[in-house]
Amino acid sequence: MAKSRRARTRSLAVAVAAFAAAVSLTACQSGGTDKAAEDAGGKTGANAAASATSGGPAGSGNDAKADTKSDDASGQAGKQTGPGARVSGKSGSRAQEETGVDEGPVQLACSGENVEVTAEAPARPSHYLLLTATNTGSKPCNAYSYPLLRFDEDQSVSAAPMADTKPQAVVTLAPGESAYAGVALGADGEHGRTAKSLAVHFSGTDDAAGSTGSAAHPALPGGAAYYDDNAQVTYWQRDKADAIK
């Protein structure tokens, strides 16, 4: 009888121990699963956060990075086009300084008031004078037609123009520039005489209207020049070589 009680007691203890072990094992398994889920959730959240921060495959990070690249590209384009515009402006600024302000066609006629005239005797041809008219004024002037020459006290023009020397356009002299005219003194025709002074008058826009402004008075080479009624003068030329005929 006593032996039967002890056997039941031991069986009950074993059963209780087995039940307790089963409960403990179930709790451990459940806890492990929850912890794994929590760990997985944490890792997933961290990865998502990292992706969002670094501009991963998805999310607004890529958009922000694309926008930054777009802005950088626009900035580079601006840097490339900016200097070109400045060069054009400068280039434009640089052409205006060289040509000056365009004030329209020159209307001012050259005269003894704004032009200095010198006379020299070139080595060739003989019996010849070379006149050089230099603009000493502050504005451009036009050397119209040909110089009107008067030796000494002649009452008329002392030299006829050489028609074949008329240039295609009026010679305009900027300040400091020069025009040239040649005088063939003749010296082998009738009524030859020696002159000790020369007055150079300037034509206006209309040749028939005669001279305009005051005359220039260049010194004659050697103080005198021998000329006759066959004396001729060229039109004003831009090149010195064209004035020596």
C-alpha atoms as a PDB file:
ATOM      1  CA  MET A   1       0.000   0.000   0.000  1.00  0.00           C
ATOM      2  CA  ALA A   2       2.804   2.376   0.939  1.00  0.00           C
ATOM      3  CA  LYS A   3       4.757   1.323  -2.144  1.00  0.00           C
ATOM      4  CA  SER A   4       1.773   2.165  -4.387  1.00  0.00           C
ATOM      5  CA  ARG A   5       1.593   5.726  -2.902  1.00  0.00           C
ATOM      6  CA  ARG A   6       5.240   6.391  -3.487  1.00  0.00           C
ATOM      7  CA  ALA A   7       4.898   5.299  -7.096  1.00  0.00           C
ATOM      8  CA  ARG A   8       2.020   7.695  -7.702  1.00  0.00           C
ATOM      9  CA  THR A   9       3.853  10.526  -6.015  1.00  0.00           C
ATOM     10  CA  ARG A  10       6.911   9.967  -8.217  1.00  0.00           C
ATOM     11  CA  SER A  11       4.772   9.801 -11.346  1.00  0.00           C
ATOM     12  CA  LEU A  12       3.081  13.048 -10.403  1.00  0.00           C
ATOM     13  CA  ALA A  13       6.415  14.754  -9.795  1.00  0.00           C
ATOM     14  CA  VAL A  14       7.684  13.598 -13.158  1.00  0.00           C
ATOM     15  CA  ALA A  15       4.561  14.839 -14.849  1.00  0.00           C
ATOM     16  CA  VAL A  16       4.837  18.226 -13.176  1.00  0.00           C
ATOM     17  CA  ALA A  17       8.495  18.494 -14.140  1.00  0.00           C
ATOM     18  CA  ALA A  18       7.705  17.584 -17.734  1.00  0.00           C
ATOM     19  CA  PHE A  19       4.912  20.155 -17.869  1.00  0.00           C
ATOM     20  CA  ALA A  20       7.167  22.832 -16.453  1.00  0.00           C
ATOM     21  CA  ALA A  21       9.863  22.010 -18.991  1.00  0.00           C
ATOM     22  CA  ALA A  22       7.355  22.169 -21.817  1.00  0.00           C
ATOM     23  CA  VAL A  23       6.075  25.564 -20.679  1.00  0.00           C
ATOM     24  CA  SER A  24       9.625  26.905 -20.362  1.00  0.00           C
ATOM     25  CA  LEU A  25      10.565  25.657 -23.820  1.00  0.00           C
ATOM     26  CA  THR A  26       7.460  27.273 -25.365  1.00  0.00           C
ATOM     27  CA  ALA A  27       8.240  30.602 -23.691  1.00  0.00           C
ATOM     28  CA  CYS A  28      11.837  30.499 -24.916  1.00  0.00           C
ATOM     29  CA  GLN A  29      10.755  29.756 -28.460  1.00  0.00           C
ATOM     30  CA  SER A  30       8.177  32.553 -28.420  1.00  0.00           C
ATOM     31  CA  GLY A  31      10.647  35.016 -26.969  1.00  0.00           C
ATOM     32  CA  GLY A  32      13.228  34.093 -29.564  1.00  0.00           C
ATOM     33  CA  THR A  33      10.785  34.602 -32.376  1.00  0.00           C
ATOM     34  CA  ASP A  34       9.744  38.033 -31.071  1.00  0.00           C
ATOM     35  CA  LYS A  35      13.359  39.045 -30.639  1.00  0.00           C
ATOM     36  CA  ALA A  36      14.183  37.901 -34.140  1.00  0.00           C
ATOM     37  CA  ALA A  37      11.239  39.849 -35.450  1.00  0.00           C
ATOM     38  CA  GLU A  38      12.347  42.907 -33.531  1.00  0.00           C
ATOM     39  CA  ASP A  39      15.918  42.518 -34.801  1.00  0.00           C
ATOM     40  CA  ALA A  40      14.691  42.086 -38.348  1.00  0.00           C
ATOM     41  CA  GLY A  41      12.420  45.095 -38.040  1.00  0.00           C
ATOM     42  CA  GLY A  42      15.258  47.160 -36.612  1.00  0.00           C
ATOM     43  CA  LYS A  43      17.611  46.152 -39.393  1.00  0.00           C
ATOM     44  CA  THR A  44      14.957  46.871 -41.998  1.00  0.00           C
ATOM     45  CA  GLY A  45      14.324  50.327 -40.552  1.00  0.00           C
ATOM     46  CA  ALA A  46      18.033  51.085 -40.386  1.00  0.00           C
ATOM     47  CA  ASN A  47      18.524  49.981 -43.974  1.00  0.00           C
ATOM     48  CA  ALA A  48      15.600  52.139 -45.098  1.00  0.00           C
ATOM     49  CA  ALA A  49      16.961  55.109 -43.223  1.00  0.00           C
ATOM     50  CA  ALA A  50      20.420  54.557 -44.690  1.00  0.00           C
ATOM     51  CA  SER A  51      18.948  54.261 -48.184  1.00  0.00           C
ATOM     52  CA  ALA A  52      16.981  57.478 -47.756  1.00  0.00           C
ATOM     53  CA  THR A  53      20.039  59.308 -46.467  1.00  0.00           C
ATOM     54  CA  SER A  54      22.494  58.093 -49.101  1.00  0.00           C
ATOM     55  CA  GLY A  55      20.126  58.294 -52.059  1.00  0.00           C
ATOM     56  CA  GLY A  56      19.645  54.571 -52.547  1.00  0.00           C
ATOM     57  CA  PRO A  57      17.686  52.810 -55.225  1.00  0.00           C
ATOM     58  CA  ALA A  58      14.356  54.135 -54.026  1.00  0.00           C
ATOM     59  CA  GLY A  59      12.975  57.195 -52.252  1.00  0.00           C
ATOM     60  CA  SER A  60      13.592  60.922 -52.484  1.00  0.00           C
ATOM     61  CA  GLY A  61      17.374  60.576 -52.067  1.00  0.00           C
ATOM     62  CA  ASN A  62      17.857  59.860 -55.763  1.00  0.00           C
ATOM     63  CA  ASP A  63      15.708  62.853 -56.686  1.00  0.00           C
ATOM     64  CA  ALA A  64      17.746  65.160 -54.463  1.00  0.00           C
ATOM     65  CA  LYS A  65      20.996  63.850 -55.918  1.00  0.00           C
ATOM     66  CA  ALA A  66      19.675  64.271 -59.477  1.00  0.00           C
ATOM     67  CA  ASP A  67      18.595  67.813 -58.662  1.00  0.00           C
ATOM     68  CA  THR A  68      22.084  68.582 -57.322  1.00  0.00           C
ATOM     69  CA  LYS A  69      23.716  67.261 -60.487  1.00  0.00           C
ATOM     70  CA  SER A  70      21.305  69.286 -62.602  1.00  0.00           C
ATOM     71  CA  ASP A  71      22.141  72.440 -60.666  1.00  0.00           C
ATOM     72  CA  ASP A  72      25.866  71.750 -61.049  1.00  0.00           C
ATOM     73  CA  ALA A  73      25.462  71.289 -64.810  1.00  0.00           C
ATOM     74  CA  SER A  74      23.520  74.536 -65.068  1.00  0.00           C
ATOM     75  CA  GLY A  75      26.221  76.327 -63.130  1.00  0.00           C
ATOM     76  CA  GLN A  76      28.934  74.993 -65.424  1.00  0.00           C
ATOM     77  CA  ALA A  77      26.972  76.105 -68.488  1.00  0.00           C
ATOM     78  CA  GLY A  78      26.633  79.559 -66.982  1.00  0.00           C
ATOM     79  CA  LYS A  79      30.384  79.723 -66.382  1.00  0.00           C
ATOM     80  CA  GLN A  80      31.077  78.791 -69.994  1.00  0.00           C
ATOM     81  CA  THR A  81      28.720  81.300 -71.525  1.00  0.00           C
ATOM     82  CA  GLY A  82      29.447  84.153 -69.149  1.00  0.00           C
ATOM     83  CA  PRO A  83      33.026  84.929 -70.318  1.00  0.00           C
ATOM     84  CA  GLY A  84      31.935  84.710 -73.959  1.00  0.00           C
ATOM     85  CA  ALA A  85      29.421  87.477 -73.393  1.00  0.00           C
ATOM     86  CA  ARG A  86      32.029  89.550 -71.613  1.00  0.00           C
ATOM     87  CA  VAL A  87      34.540  88.989 -74.418  1.00  0.00           C
ATOM     88  CA  SER A  88      31.924  90.059 -76.963  1.00  0.00           C
ATOM     89  CA  GLY A  89      31.206  93.171 -74.940  1.00  0.00           C
ATOM     90  CA  LYS A  90      34.885  93.849 -74.530  1.00  0.00           C
ATOM     91  CA  SER A  91      35.486  92.934 -78.089  1.00  0.00           C
ATOM     92  CA  GLY A  92      32.622  95.396 -78.867  1.00  0.00           C
ATOM     93  CA  SER A  93      34.217  97.863 -76.293  1.00  0.00           C
ATOM     94  CA  ARG A  94      37.600  97.431 -77.980  1.00  0.00           C
ATOM     95  CA  ALA A  95      36.325  98.272 -81.719  1.00  0.00           C
ATOM     96  CA  GLN A  96      34.632 101.547 -80.594  1.00  0.00           C
ATOM     97  CA  GLU A  97      37.869 102.870 -79.069  1.00  0.00           C
ATOM     98  CA  GLU A  98      39.751 102.213 -82.308  1.00  0.00           C
ATOM     99  CA  THR A  99      37.265 103.778 -84.726  1.00  0.00           C
ATOM    100  CA  GLY A 100      35.877 106.552 -82.512  1.00  0.00           C
ATOM    101  CA  VAL A 101      32.272 107.642 -82.239  1.00  0.00           C
ATOM    102  CA  ASP A 102      30.447 107.714 -85.557  1.00  0.00           C
ATOM    103  CA  GLU A 103      29.233 111.265 -86.022  1.00  0.00           C
ATOM    104  CA  GLY A 104      28.133 110.751 -89.620  1.00  0.00           C
ATOM    105  CA  PRO A 105      29.789 111.982 -92.851  1.00  0.00           C
ATOM    106  CA  VAL A 106      32.539 114.575 -92.472  1.00  0.00           C
ATOM    107  CA  GLN A 107      31.312 118.010 -93.542  1.00  0.00           C
ATOM    108  CA  LEU A 108      34.234 120.207 -92.486  1.00  0.00           C
ATOM    109  CA  ALA A 109      36.475 121.380 -95.327  1.00  0.00           C
ATOM    110  CA  CYS A 110      40.220 121.553 -94.841  1.00  0.00           C
ATOM    111  CA  SER A 111      41.649 125.072 -94.862  1.00  0.00           C
ATOM    112  CA  GLY A 112      44.603 127.049 -93.609  1.00  0.00           C
ATOM    113  CA  GLU A 113      42.834 127.270 -90.271  1.00  0.00           C
ATOM    114  CA  ASN A 114      43.090 123.541 -89.513  1.00  0.00           C
ATOM    115  CA  VAL A 115      45.788 122.336 -91.923  1.00  0.00           C
ATOM    116  CA  GLU A 116      49.517 122.998 -92.148  1.00  0.00           C
ATOM    117  CA  VAL A 117      51.113 122.806 -95.618  1.00  0.00           C
ATOM    118  CA  THR A 118      54.768 122.245 -96.420  1.00  0.00           C
ATOM    119  CA  ALA A 119      56.520 122.333 -99.819  1.00  0.00           C
ATOM    120  CA  GLU A 120      59.607 120.396-100.886  1.00  0.00           C
ATOM    121  CA  ALA A 121      61.497 119.791-104.121  1.00  0.00           C
ATOM    122  CA  PRO A 122      61.854 116.040-104.770  1.00  0.00           C
ATOM    123  CA  ALA A 123      64.939 114.702-106.531  1.00  0.00           C
ATOM    124  CA  ARG A 124      62.792 113.537-109.408  1.00  0.00           C
ATOM    125  CA  PRO A 125      61.089 114.790-111.437  1.00  0.00           C
ATOM    126  CA  SER A 126      62.821 118.130-111.916  1.00  0.00           C
ATOM    127  CA  HIS A 127      61.005 121.460-111.716  1.00  0.00           C
ATOM    128  CA  TYR A 128      58.534 119.938-109.317  1.00  0.00           C
ATOM    129  CA  LEU A 129      57.065 120.686-105.916  1.00  0.00           C
ATOM    130  CA  LEU A 130      55.528 118.221-103.478  1.00  0.00           C
ATOM    131  CA  LEU A 131      52.915 119.693-101.154  1.00  0.00           C
ATOM    132  CA  THR A 132      52.043 117.952 -97.887  1.00  0.00           C
ATOM    133  CA  ALA A 133      48.878 119.044 -96.051  1.00  0.00           C
ATOM    134  CA  THR A 134      48.590 117.800 -92.447  1.00  0.00           C
ATOM    135  CA  ASN A 135      45.443 118.141 -90.353  1.00  0.00           C
ATOM    136  CA  THR A 136      46.491 120.004 -87.199  1.00  0.00           C
ATOM    137  CA  GLY A 137      42.921 120.436 -85.937  1.00  0.00           C
ATOM    138  CA  SER A 138      40.903 118.342 -83.519  1.00  0.00           C
ATOM    139  CA  LYS A 139      38.303 117.165 -86.061  1.00  0.00           C
ATOM    140  CA  PRO A 140      38.462 115.345 -89.430  1.00  0.00           C
ATOM    141  CA  CYS A 141      38.327 117.510 -92.531  1.00  0.00           C
ATOM    142  CA  ASN A 142      37.932 116.929 -96.264  1.00  0.00           C
ATOM    143  CA  ALA A 143      40.645 117.899 -98.730  1.00  0.00           C
ATOM    144  CA  TYR A 144      38.303 118.622-101.613  1.00  0.00           C
ATOM    145  CA  SER A 145      39.407 118.666-105.233  1.00  0.00           C
ATOM    146  CA  TYR A 146      42.895 120.168-105.792  1.00  0.00           C
ATOM    147  CA  PRO A 147      44.892 122.980-104.196  1.00  0.00           C
ATOM    148  CA  LEU A 148      44.363 126.444-105.649  1.00  0.00           C
ATOM    149  CA  LEU A 149      47.844 127.923-106.000  1.00  0.00           C
ATOM    150  CA  ARG A 150      48.863 131.547-106.229  1.00  0.00           C
ATOM    151  CA  PHE A 151      52.516 132.414-106.688  1.00  0.00           C
ATOM    152  CA  ASP A 152      53.476 135.843-105.468  1.00  0.00           C
ATOM    153  CA  GLU A 153      50.790 138.353-106.382  1.00  0.00           C
ATOM    154  CA  ASP A 154      49.156 136.477-109.281  1.00  0.00           C
ATOM    155  CA  GLN A 155      45.543 137.524-109.753  1.00  0.00           C
ATOM    156  CA  SER A 156      44.435 134.083-110.925  1.00  0.00           C
ATOM    157  CA  VAL A 157      45.185 130.473-110.112  1.00  0.00           C
ATOM    158  CA  SER A 158      48.781 129.829-111.077  1.00  0.00           C
ATOM    159  CA  ALA A 159      48.475 126.094-111.920  1.00  0.00           C
ATOM    160  CA  ALA A 160      45.797 124.140-113.822  1.00  0.00           C
ATOM    161  CA  PRO A 161      44.578 120.766-112.453  1.00  0.00           C
ATOM    162  CA  MET A 162      45.711 117.444-113.925  1.00  0.00           C
ATOM    163  CA  ALA A 163      42.369 115.833-114.721  1.00  0.00           C
ATOM    164  CA  ASP A 164      43.755 112.289-114.798  1.00  0.00           C
ATOM    165  CA  THR A 165      44.782 112.500-111.109  1.00  0.00           C
ATOM    166  CA  LYS A 166      41.276 112.957-109.710  1.00  0.00           C
ATOM    167  CA  PRO A 167      40.722 110.287-107.021  1.00  0.00           C
ATOM    168  CA  GLN A 168      37.574 108.178-106.829  1.00  0.00           C
ATOM    169  CA  ALA A 169      36.627 109.604-103.442  1.00  0.00           C
ATOM    170  CA  VAL A 170      37.265 112.750-101.437  1.00  0.00           C
ATOM    171  CA  VAL A 171      40.361 112.509 -99.256  1.00  0.00           C
ATOM    172  CA  THR A 172      39.319 112.821 -95.605  1.00  0.00           C
ATOM    173  CA  LEU A 173      42.003 113.658 -93.073  1.00  0.00           C
ATOM    174  CA  ALA A 174      41.673 112.624 -89.454  1.00  0.00           C
ATOM    175  CA  PRO A 175      43.667 114.757 -86.989  1.00  0.00           C
ATOM    176  CA  GLY A 176      47.346 114.135 -87.684  1.00  0.00           C
ATOM    177  CA  GLU A 177      46.818 112.607 -91.130  1.00  0.00           C
ATOM    178  CA  SER A 178      48.238 114.078 -94.359  1.00  0.00           C
ATOM    179  CA  ALA A 179      47.284 114.496 -98.005  1.00  0.00           C
ATOM    180  CA  TYR A 180      49.643 115.172-100.898  1.00  0.00           C
ATOM    181  CA  ALA A 181      49.634 117.145-104.139  1.00  0.00           C
ATOM    182  CA  GLY A 182      52.291 117.571-106.824  1.00  0.00           C
ATOM    183  CA  VAL A 183      53.049 120.758-108.742  1.00  0.00           C
ATOM    184  CA  ALA A 184      54.704 120.528-112.176  1.00  0.00           C
ATOM    185  CA  LEU A 185      56.247 124.004-112.505  1.00  0.00           C
ATOM    186  CA  GLY A 186      56.685 123.868-116.290  1.00  0.00           C
ATOM    187  CA  ALA A 187      59.728 126.100-116.538  1.00  0.00           C
ATOM    188  CA  ASP A 188      60.034 125.581-120.305  1.00  0.00           C
ATOM    189  CA  GLY A 189      57.007 127.558-121.549  1.00  0.00           C
ATOM    190  CA  GLU A 190      56.219 131.215-122.041  1.00  0.00           C
ATOM    191  CA  HIS A 191      56.193 133.897-119.413  1.00  0.00           C
ATOM    192  CA  GLY A 192      58.509 132.077-117.065  1.00  0.00           C
ATOM    193  CA  ARG A 193      59.163 133.903-113.802  1.00  0.00           C
ATOM    194  CA  THR A 194      60.550 133.422-110.344  1.00  0.00           C
ATOM    195  CA  ALA A 195      58.207 133.447-107.374  1.00  0.00           C
ATOM    196  CA  LYS A 196      59.295 133.981-103.787  1.00  0.00           C
ATOM    197  CA  SER A 197      56.029 133.114-102.060  1.00  0.00           C
ATOM    198  CA  LEU A 198      53.207 130.659-102.446  1.00  0.00           C
ATOM    199  CA  ALA A 199      49.628 130.728-101.135  1.00  0.00           C
ATOM    200  CA  VAL A 200      47.739 127.412-101.018  1.00  0.00           C
ATOM    201  CA  HIS A 201      43.960 127.850-101.000  1.00  0.00           C
ATOM    202  CA  PHE A 202      41.515 124.991-100.410  1.00  0.00           C
ATOM    203  CA  SER A 203      38.436 124.144-102.449  1.00  0.00           C
ATOM    204  CA  GLY A 204      34.985 123.878-100.988  1.00  0.00           C
ATOM    205  CA  THR A 205      32.473 121.160-101.793  1.00  0.00           C
ATOM    206  CA  ASP A 206      31.704 122.903-105.073  1.00  0.00           C
ATOM    207  CA  ASP A 207      34.767 123.418-107.266  1.00  0.00           C
ATOM    208  CA  ALA A 208      33.089 126.238-109.166  1.00  0.00           C
ATOM    209  CA  ALA A 209      32.564 128.190-105.925  1.00  0.00           C
ATOM    210  CA  GLY A 210      36.309 128.760-105.550  1.00  0.00           C
ATOM    211  CA  SER A 211      38.280 128.606-102.321  1.00  0.00           C
ATOM    212  CA  THR A 212      37.028 128.305 -98.771  1.00  0.00           C
ATOM    213  CA  GLY A 213      38.561 129.479 -95.524  1.00  0.00           C
ATOM    214  CA  SER A 214      41.988 130.992 -95.170  1.00  0.00           C
ATOM    215  CA  ALA A 215      45.052 130.015 -97.215  1.00  0.00           C
ATOM    216  CA  ALA A 216      48.196 128.245 -96.040  1.00  0.00           C
ATOM    217  CA  HIS A 217      51.589 129.788 -96.822  1.00  0.00           C
ATOM    218  CA  PRO A 218      54.323 127.159 -97.091  1.00  0.00           C
ATOM    219  CA  ALA A 219      57.911 128.267 -97.507  1.00  0.00           C
ATOM    220  CA  LEU A 220      59.363 127.547-100.953  1.00  0.00           C
ATOM    221  CA  PRO A 221      62.430 125.264-101.105  1.00  0.00           C
ATOM    222  CA  GLY A 222      65.480 127.484-101.326  1.00  0.00           C
ATOM    223  CA  GLY A 223      63.237 130.525-100.914  1.00  0.00           C
ATOM    224  CA  ALA A 224      62.065 130.677-104.560  1.00  0.00           C
ATOM    225  CA  ALA A 225      60.501 128.687-107.409  1.00  0.00           C
ATOM    226  CA  TYR A 226      60.672 129.236-111.159  1.00  0.00           C
ATOM    227  CA  TYR A 227      57.403 128.487-112.986  1.00  0.00           C
ATOM    228  CA  ASP A 228      55.610 129.381-116.231  1.00  0.00           C
ATOM    229  CA  ASP A 229      52.125 129.370-117.728  1.00  0.00           C
ATOM    230  CA  ASN A 230      52.212 125.587-118.226  1.00  0.00           C
ATOM    231  CA  ALA A 231      52.319 124.864-114.497  1.00  0.00           C
ATOM    232  CA  GLN A 232      49.944 122.132-113.372  1.00  0.00           C
ATOM    233  CA  VAL A 233      48.852 120.636-110.036  1.00  0.00           C
ATOM    234  CA  THR A 234      47.456 117.211-109.072  1.00  0.00           C
ATOM    235  CA  TYR A 235      44.329 116.622-107.025  1.00  0.00           C
ATOM    236  CA  TRP A 236      44.860 115.909-103.344  1.00  0.00           C
ATOM    237  CA  GLN A 237      46.061 112.336-102.913  1.00  0.00           C
ATOM    238  CA  ARG A 238      46.138 110.028 -99.926  1.00  0.00           C
ATOM    239  CA  ASP A 239      49.420 108.408-101.034  1.00  0.00           C
ATOM    240  CA  LYS A 240      52.548 110.440-101.636  1.00  0.00           C
ATOM    241  CA  ALA A 241      53.529 108.311-104.655  1.00  0.00           C
ATOM    242  CA  ASP A 242      50.300 109.287-106.443  1.00  0.00           C
ATOM    243  CA  ALA A 243      51.190 112.966-106.113  1.00  0.00           C
ATOM    244  CA  ILE A 244      54.489 112.642-107.985  1.00  0.00           C
ATOM    245  CA  LYS A 245      53.738 112.512-111.697  1.00  0.00           C
END
